[in-house]
PDB file of all heavy atoms in Angstrom:
ATOM      1  N   TYR A   1     227.929  42.355  46.457  1.00  0.00           N
ATOM      2  CA  TYR A   1     227.515  42.578  45.070  1.00  0.00           C
ATOM      3  C   TYR A   1     227.922  43.968  44.582  1.00  0.00           C
ATOM      4  O   TYR A   1     228.349  44.152  43.442  1.00  0.00           O
ATOM      5  CB  TYR A   1     225.997  42.378  44.959  1.00  0.00           C
ATOM      6  CG  TYR A   1     225.389  42.783  43.651  1.00  0.00           C
ATOM      7  CD1 TYR A   1     225.621  42.043  42.496  1.00  0.00           C
ATOM      8  CD2 TYR A   1     224.569  43.899  43.570  1.00  0.00           C
ATOM      9  CE1 TYR A   1     225.049  42.421  41.278  1.00  0.00           C
ATOM     10  CE2 TYR A   1     223.996  44.281  42.360  1.00  0.00           C
ATOM     11  CZ  TYR A   1     224.245  43.543  41.234  1.00  0.00           C
ATOM     12  OH  TYR A   1     223.697  43.909  40.038  1.00  0.00           O
ATOM     13  N   LYS A   2     227.802  44.982  45.448  1.00  0.00           N
ATOM     14  CA  LYS A   2     228.131  46.364  45.096  1.00  0.00           C
ATOM     15  C   LYS A   2     229.581  46.726  45.432  1.00  0.00           C
ATOM     16  O   LYS A   2     229.980  47.869  45.280  1.00  0.00           O
ATOM     17  CB  LYS A   2     227.189  47.339  45.814  1.00  0.00           C
ATOM     18  CG  LYS A   2     225.782  47.303  45.289  1.00  0.00           C
ATOM     19  CD  LYS A   2     225.729  47.828  43.873  1.00  0.00           C
ATOM     20  CE  LYS A   2     224.320  47.977  43.377  1.00  0.00           C
ATOM     21  NZ  LYS A   2     224.234  48.633  42.076  1.00  0.00           N
ATOM     22  N   ASP A   3     230.360  45.735  45.893  1.00  0.00           N
ATOM     23  CA  ASP A   3     231.756  45.937  46.267  1.00  0.00           C
ATOM     24  C   ASP A   3     231.918  47.014  47.347  1.00  0.00           C
ATOM     25  O   ASP A   3     232.805  47.859  47.285  1.00  0.00           O
ATOM     26  CB  ASP A   3     232.611  46.271  45.040  1.00  0.00           C
ATOM     27  CG  ASP A   3     234.085  46.023  45.293  1.00  0.00           C
ATOM     28  OD1 ASP A   3     234.405  45.154  46.123  1.00  0.00           O
ATOM     29  OD2 ASP A   3     234.922  46.721  44.686  1.00  0.00           O
ATOM     30  N   ILE A   4     231.019  46.977  48.332  1.00  0.00           N
ATOM     31  CA  ILE A   4     231.089  47.872  49.481  1.00  0.00           C
ATOM     32  C   ILE A   4     231.787  47.112  50.599  1.00  0.00           C
ATOM     33  O   ILE A   4     231.307  46.065  51.040  1.00  0.00           O
ATOM     34  CB  ILE A   4     229.679  48.309  49.949  1.00  0.00           C
ATOM     35  CG1 ILE A   4     228.956  49.044  48.818  1.00  0.00           C
ATOM     36  CG2 ILE A   4     229.775  49.163  51.205  1.00  0.00           C
ATOM     37  CD1 ILE A   4     227.486  49.283  49.084  1.00  0.00           C
ATOM     38  N   GLN A   5     232.927  47.607  51.008  1.00  0.00           N
ATOM     39  CA  GLN A   5     233.712  46.953  52.051  1.00  0.00           C
ATOM     40  C   GLN A   5     233.153  47.296  53.430  1.00  0.00           C
ATOM     41  O   GLN A   5     232.858  48.455  53.709  1.00  0.00           O
ATOM     42  CB  GLN A   5     235.170  47.409  51.968  1.00  0.00           C
ATOM     43  CG  GLN A   5     235.826  47.137  50.627  1.00  0.00           C
ATOM     44  CD  GLN A   5     235.887  45.657  50.293  1.00  0.00           C
ATOM     45  OE1 GLN A   5     236.257  44.837  51.119  1.00  0.00           O
ATOM     46  NE2 GLN A   5     235.514  45.305  49.069  1.00  0.00           N
ATOM     47  N   ILE A   6     233.027  46.291  54.280  1.00  0.00           N
ATOM     48  CA  ILE A   6     232.628  46.487  55.675  1.00  0.00           C
ATOM     49  C   ILE A   6     233.845  46.197  56.538  1.00  0.00           C
ATOM     50  O   ILE A   6     234.453  45.127  56.416  1.00  0.00           O
ATOM     51  CB  ILE A   6     231.460  45.556  56.069  1.00  0.00           C
ATOM     52  CG1 ILE A   6     230.243  45.799  55.178  1.00  0.00           C
ATOM     53  CG2 ILE A   6     231.093  45.769  57.539  1.00  0.00           C
ATOM     54  CD1 ILE A   6     229.097  44.829  55.399  1.00  0.00           C
ATOM     55  N   ASP A   7     234.199  47.144  57.380  1.00  0.00           N
ATOM     56  CA  ASP A   7     235.347  46.993  58.272  1.00  0.00           C
ATOM     57  C   ASP A   7     235.136  45.753  59.148  1.00  0.00           C
ATOM     58  O   ASP A   7     234.155  45.654  59.874  1.00  0.00           O
ATOM     59  CB  ASP A   7     235.482  48.247  59.134  1.00  0.00           C
ATOM     60  CG  ASP A   7     236.700  48.248  60.024  1.00  0.00           C
ATOM     61  OD1 ASP A   7     237.383  47.204  60.139  1.00  0.00           O
ATOM     62  OD2 ASP A   7     236.969  49.305  60.616  1.00  0.00           O
ATOM     63  N   LYS A   8     236.054  44.822  59.060  1.00  0.00           N
ATOM     64  CA  LYS A   8     235.929  43.564  59.815  1.00  0.00           C
ATOM     65  C   LYS A   8     235.901  43.794  61.326  1.00  0.00           C
ATOM     66  O   LYS A   8     235.377  42.972  62.069  1.00  0.00           O
ATOM     67  CB  LYS A   8     237.066  42.621  59.439  1.00  0.00           C
ATOM     68  CG  LYS A   8     236.949  42.097  58.008  1.00  0.00           C
ATOM     69  CD  LYS A   8     238.031  41.104  57.691  1.00  0.00           C
ATOM     70  CE  LYS A   8     238.026  40.548  56.307  1.00  0.00           C
ATOM     71  NZ  LYS A   8     237.126  41.014  55.324  1.00  0.00           N
ATOM     72  N   LYS A   9     236.440  44.922  61.787  1.00  0.00           N
ATOM     73  CA  LYS A   9     236.464  45.219  63.226  1.00  0.00           C
ATOM     74  C   LYS A   9     235.076  45.497  63.787  1.00  0.00           C
ATOM     75  O   LYS A   9     234.879  45.419  64.987  1.00  0.00           O
ATOM     76  CB  LYS A   9     237.376  46.416  63.505  1.00  0.00           C
ATOM     77  CG  LYS A   9     238.841  46.120  63.281  1.00  0.00           C
ATOM     78  CD  LYS A   9     239.673  47.328  63.656  1.00  0.00           C
ATOM     79  CE  LYS A   9     240.460  47.735  62.438  1.00  0.00           C
ATOM     80  NZ  LYS A   9     241.034  49.041  62.500  1.00  0.00           N
ATOM     81  N   ILE A  10     234.114  45.833  62.917  1.00  0.00           N
ATOM     82  CA  ILE A  10     232.773  46.130  63.430  1.00  0.00           C
ATOM     83  C   ILE A  10     231.810  44.956  63.254  1.00  0.00           C
ATOM     84  O   ILE A  10     230.654  45.040  63.651  1.00  0.00           O
ATOM     85  CB  ILE A  10     232.193  47.415  62.805  1.00  0.00           C
ATOM     86  CG1 ILE A  10     231.954  47.272  61.298  1.00  0.00           C
ATOM     87  CG2 ILE A  10     233.080  48.616  63.118  1.00  0.00           C
ATOM     88  CD1 ILE A  10     231.181  48.426  60.674  1.00  0.00           C
ATOM     89  N   ILE A  11     232.291  43.863  62.680  1.00  0.00           N
ATOM     90  CA  ILE A  11     231.459  42.668  62.513  1.00  0.00           C
ATOM     91  C   ILE A  11     231.695  41.737  63.693  1.00  0.00           C
ATOM     92  O   ILE A  11     232.833  41.392  64.004  1.00  0.00           O
ATOM     93  CB  ILE A  11     231.781  41.945  61.195  1.00  0.00           C
ATOM     94  CG1 ILE A  11     231.489  42.851  59.999  1.00  0.00           C
ATOM     95  CG2 ILE A  11     230.983  40.649  61.084  1.00  0.00           C
ATOM     96  CD1 ILE A  11     231.914  42.285  58.669  1.00  0.00           C
ATOM     97  N   THR A  12     230.617  41.355  64.368  1.00  0.00           N
ATOM     98  CA  THR A  12     230.711  40.431  65.500  1.00  0.00           C
ATOM     99  C   THR A  12     229.831  39.215  65.211  1.00  0.00           C
ATOM    100  O   THR A  12     229.099  39.198  64.220  1.00  0.00           O
ATOM    101  CB  THR A  12     230.237  41.095  66.811  1.00  0.00           C
ATOM    102  OG1 THR A  12     228.804  41.234  66.765  1.00  0.00           O
ATOM    103  CG2 THR A  12     230.878  42.457  67.018  1.00  0.00           C
ATOM    104  N   ASP A  13     229.864  38.243  66.094  1.00  0.00           N
ATOM    105  CA  ASP A  13     228.998  37.080  65.915  1.00  0.00           C
ATOM    106  C   ASP A  13     227.522  37.421  66.129  1.00  0.00           C
ATOM    107  O   ASP A  13     226.644  36.680  65.728  1.00  0.00           O
ATOM    108  CB  ASP A  13     229.428  35.929  66.826  1.00  0.00           C
ATOM    109  CG  ASP A  13     229.420  36.293  68.294  1.00  0.00           C
ATOM    110  OD1 ASP A  13     229.446  37.490  68.628  1.00  0.00           O
ATOM    111  OD2 ASP A  13     229.383  35.365  69.121  1.00  0.00           O
ATOM    112  N   LYS A  14     227.239  38.577  66.748  1.00  0.00           N
ATOM    113  CA  LYS A  14     225.857  38.991  66.985  1.00  0.00           C
ATOM    114  C   LYS A  14     225.346  39.993  65.965  1.00  0.00           C
ATOM    115  O   LYS A  14     224.170  40.300  65.936  1.00  0.00           O
ATOM    116  CB  LYS A  14     225.722  39.584  68.381  1.00  0.00           C
ATOM    117  CG  LYS A  14     225.952  38.557  69.468  1.00  0.00           C
ATOM    118  CD  LYS A  14     225.751  39.165  70.821  1.00  0.00           C
ATOM    119  CE  LYS A  14     225.994  38.125  71.902  1.00  0.00           C
ATOM    120  NZ  LYS A  14     225.765  38.676  73.223  1.00  0.00           N
ATOM    121  N   GLY A  15     226.249  40.545  65.128  1.00  0.00           N
ATOM    122  CA  GLY A  15     225.830  41.523  64.133  1.00  0.00           C
ATOM    123  C   GLY A  15     226.903  42.555  63.859  1.00  0.00           C
ATOM    124  O   GLY A  15     228.089  42.298  64.061  1.00  0.00           O
ATOM    125  N   ILE A  16     226.472  43.745  63.427  1.00  0.00           N
ATOM    126  CA  ILE A  16     227.382  44.833  63.072  1.00  0.00           C
ATOM    127  C   ILE A  16     227.288  45.929  64.126  1.00  0.00           C
ATOM    128  O   ILE A  16     226.191  46.389  64.460  1.00  0.00           O
ATOM    129  CB  ILE A  16     227.033  45.412  61.688  1.00  0.00           C
ATOM    130  CG1 ILE A  16     227.178  44.346  60.599  1.00  0.00           C
ATOM    131  CG2 ILE A  16     227.927  46.614  61.362  1.00  0.00           C
ATOM    132  CD1 ILE A  16     226.737  44.810  59.228  1.00  0.00           C
ATOM    133  N   LEU A  17     228.445  46.359  64.621  1.00  0.00           N
ATOM    134  CA  LEU A  17     228.488  47.470  65.569  1.00  0.00           C
ATOM    135  C   LEU A  17     228.217  48.762  64.809  1.00  0.00           C
ATOM    136  O   LEU A  17     228.804  49.017  63.765  1.00  0.00           O
ATOM    137  CB  LEU A  17     229.844  47.533  66.261  1.00  0.00           C
ATOM    138  CG  LEU A  17     230.198  46.300  67.102  1.00  0.00           C
ATOM    139  CD1 LEU A  17     231.634  46.393  67.593  1.00  0.00           C
ATOM    140  CD2 LEU A  17     229.236  46.147  68.264  1.00  0.00           C
ATOM    141  N   VAL A  18     227.325  49.589  65.356  1.00  0.00           N
ATOM    142  CA  VAL A  18     226.824  50.766  64.659  1.00  0.00           C
ATOM    143  C   VAL A  18     227.080  52.024  65.481  1.00  0.00           C
ATOM    144  O   VAL A  18     227.088  51.986  66.706  1.00  0.00           O
ATOM    145  CB  VAL A  18     225.305  50.601  64.394  1.00  0.00           C
ATOM    146  CG1 VAL A  18     224.689  51.854  63.830  1.00  0.00           C
ATOM    147  CG2 VAL A  18     225.042  49.424  63.476  1.00  0.00           C
ATOM    148  N   GLY A  19     227.260  53.141  64.776  1.00  0.00           N
ATOM    149  CA  GLY A  19     227.416  54.446  65.403  1.00  0.00           C
ATOM    150  C   GLY A  19     228.869  54.781  65.687  1.00  0.00           C
ATOM    151  O   GLY A  19     229.741  53.918  65.668  1.00  0.00           O
ATOM    152  N   ALA A  20     229.123  56.044  65.949  1.00  0.00           N
ATOM    153  CA  ALA A  20     230.485  56.503  66.215  1.00  0.00           C
ATOM    154  C   ALA A  20     231.059  55.869  67.474  1.00  0.00           C
ATOM    155  O   ALA A  20     232.244  55.558  67.547  1.00  0.00           O
ATOM    156  CB  ALA A  20     230.511  58.020  66.335  1.00  0.00           C
ATOM    157  N   GLU A  21     230.214  55.655  68.470  1.00  0.00           N
ATOM    158  CA  GLU A  21     230.663  55.063  69.736  1.00  0.00           C
ATOM    159  C   GLU A  21     230.590  53.541  69.732  1.00  0.00           C
ATOM    160  O   GLU A  21     231.013  52.899  70.698  1.00  0.00           O
ATOM    161  CB  GLU A  21     229.824  55.608  70.898  1.00  0.00           C
ATOM    162  CG  GLU A  21     229.824  57.116  71.020  1.00  0.00           C
ATOM    163  CD  GLU A  21     231.214  57.662  71.279  1.00  0.00           C
ATOM    164  OE1 GLU A  21     231.969  57.050  72.055  1.00  0.00           O
ATOM    165  OE2 GLU A  21     231.547  58.719  70.697  1.00  0.00           O
ATOM    166  N   ARG A  22     230.019  52.963  68.668  1.00  0.00           N
ATOM    167  CA  ARG A  22     229.854  51.509  68.554  1.00  0.00           C
ATOM    168  C   ARG A  22     229.109  50.946  69.764  1.00  0.00           C
ATOM    169  O   ARG A  22     229.423  49.880  70.276  1.00  0.00           O
ATOM    170  CB  ARG A  22     231.201  50.797  68.378  1.00  0.00           C
ATOM    171  CG  ARG A  22     232.005  51.279  67.205  1.00  0.00           C
ATOM    172  CD  ARG A  22     231.312  50.960  65.911  1.00  0.00           C
ATOM    173  NE  ARG A  22     232.145  51.405  64.783  1.00  0.00           N
ATOM    174  CZ  ARG A  22     231.654  51.801  63.633  1.00  0.00           C
ATOM    175  NH1 ARG A  22     230.360  51.807  63.430  1.00  0.00           N
ATOM    176  NH2 ARG A  22     232.436  52.201  62.673  1.00  0.00           N
ATOM    177  N   ASP A  23     228.081  51.688  70.197  1.00  0.00           N
ATOM    178  CA  ASP A  23     227.326  51.286  71.378  1.00  0.00           C
ATOM    179  C   ASP A  23     225.990  50.624  71.044  1.00  0.00           C
ATOM    180  O   ASP A  23     225.182  50.371  71.913  1.00  0.00           O
ATOM    181  CB  ASP A  23     227.111  52.479  72.305  1.00  0.00           C
ATOM    182  CG  ASP A  23     226.410  53.645  71.626  1.00  0.00           C
ATOM    183  OD1 ASP A  23     226.188  53.587  70.400  1.00  0.00           O
ATOM    184  OD2 ASP A  23     226.086  54.619  72.331  1.00  0.00           O
ATOM    185  N   CYS A  24     225.783  50.344  69.759  1.00  0.00           N
ATOM    186  CA  CYS A  24     224.589  49.619  69.325  1.00  0.00           C
ATOM    187  C   CYS A  24     225.015  48.532  68.358  1.00  0.00           C
ATOM    188  O   CYS A  24     226.070  48.602  67.735  1.00  0.00           O
ATOM    189  CB  CYS A  24     223.603  50.558  68.624  1.00  0.00           C
ATOM    190  SG  CYS A  24     222.846  51.747  69.728  1.00  0.00           S
ATOM    191  N   ILE A  25     224.174  47.523  68.251  1.00  0.00           N
ATOM    192  CA  ILE A  25     224.469  46.429  67.330  1.00  0.00           C
ATOM    193  C   ILE A  25     223.249  46.188  66.453  1.00  0.00           C
ATOM    194  O   ILE A  25     222.107  46.163  66.921  1.00  0.00           O
ATOM    195  CB  ILE A  25     224.888  45.150  68.088  1.00  0.00           C
ATOM    196  CG1 ILE A  25     225.466  44.131  67.129  1.00  0.00           C
ATOM    197  CG2 ILE A  25     223.764  44.572  68.913  1.00  0.00           C
ATOM    198  CD1 ILE A  25     226.320  43.087  67.800  1.00  0.00           C
ATOM    199  N   LEU A  26     223.509  46.063  65.149  1.00  0.00           N
ATOM    200  CA  LEU A  26     222.484  45.707  64.182  1.00  0.00           C
ATOM    201  C   LEU A  26     222.501  44.193  64.069  1.00  0.00           C
ATOM    202  O   LEU A  26     223.457  43.611  63.569  1.00  0.00           O
ATOM    203  CB  LEU A  26     222.785  46.363  62.828  1.00  0.00           C
ATOM    204  CG  LEU A  26     221.777  46.134  61.717  1.00  0.00           C
ATOM    205  CD1 LEU A  26     220.448  46.814  62.053  1.00  0.00           C
ATOM    206  CD2 LEU A  26     222.326  46.658  60.396  1.00  0.00           C
ATOM    207  N   GLY A  27     221.466  43.554  64.597  1.00  0.00           N
ATOM    208  CA  GLY A  27     221.416  42.098  64.674  1.00  0.00           C
ATOM    209  C   GLY A  27     220.982  41.437  63.382  1.00  0.00           C
ATOM    210  O   GLY A  27     220.602  42.093  62.406  1.00  0.00           O
ATOM    211  N   ASN A  28     221.015  40.110  63.378  1.00  0.00           N
ATOM    212  CA  ASN A  28     220.650  39.330  62.210  1.00  0.00           C
ATOM    213  C   ASN A  28     219.234  39.643  61.723  1.00  0.00           C
ATOM    214  O   ASN A  28     218.956  39.588  60.529  1.00  0.00           O
ATOM    215  CB  ASN A  28     220.782  37.829  62.487  1.00  0.00           C
ATOM    216  CG  ASN A  28     220.527  37.004  61.240  1.00  0.00           C
ATOM    217  OD1 ASN A  28     221.150  37.227  60.208  1.00  0.00           O
ATOM    218  ND2 ASN A  28     219.589  36.074  61.323  1.00  0.00           N
ATOM    219  N   ASP A  29     218.341  39.985  62.631  1.00  0.00           N
ATOM    220  CA  ASP A  29     216.966  40.302  62.253  1.00  0.00           C
ATOM    221  C   ASP A  29     216.801  41.768  61.852  1.00  0.00           C
ATOM    222  O   ASP A  29     215.692  42.235  61.627  1.00  0.00           O
ATOM    223  CB  ASP A  29     215.998  39.946  63.376  1.00  0.00           C
ATOM    224  CG  ASP A  29     216.247  40.759  64.638  1.00  0.00           C
ATOM    225  OD1 ASP A  29     217.236  41.535  64.695  1.00  0.00           O
ATOM    226  OD2 ASP A  29     215.436  40.633  65.575  1.00  0.00           O
ATOM    227  N   LEU A  30     217.916  42.527  61.778  1.00  0.00           N
ATOM    228  CA  LEU A  30     217.958  43.935  61.368  1.00  0.00           C
ATOM    229  C   LEU A  30     217.315  44.879  62.363  1.00  0.00           C
ATOM    230  O   LEU A  30     216.898  45.986  62.014  1.00  0.00           O
ATOM    231  CB  LEU A  30     217.376  44.117  59.968  1.00  0.00           C
ATOM    232  CG  LEU A  30     218.094  43.364  58.859  1.00  0.00           C
ATOM    233  CD1 LEU A  30     217.368  43.526  57.536  1.00  0.00           C
ATOM    234  CD2 LEU A  30     219.545  43.845  58.729  1.00  0.00           C
ATOM    235  N   THR A  31     217.223  44.467  63.622  1.00  0.00           N
ATOM    236  CA  THR A  31     216.811  45.390  64.667  1.00  0.00           C
ATOM    237  C   THR A  31     218.080  45.929  65.339  1.00  0.00           C
ATOM    238  O   THR A  31     219.123  45.266  65.353  1.00  0.00           O
ATOM    239  CB  THR A  31     215.898  44.735  65.722  1.00  0.00           C
ATOM    240  OG1 THR A  31     216.565  43.621  66.287  1.00  0.00           O
ATOM    241  CG2 THR A  31     214.574  44.309  65.111  1.00  0.00           C
TER     242      THR A  31
END
């Protein structure tokens, strides 16, 4: 809606990879 692009490389089937090291995942339940 806000035209904010999310890098497809950080989107997985389990959620979004977070942080500089991509060592955490933001899951569907937002934990």
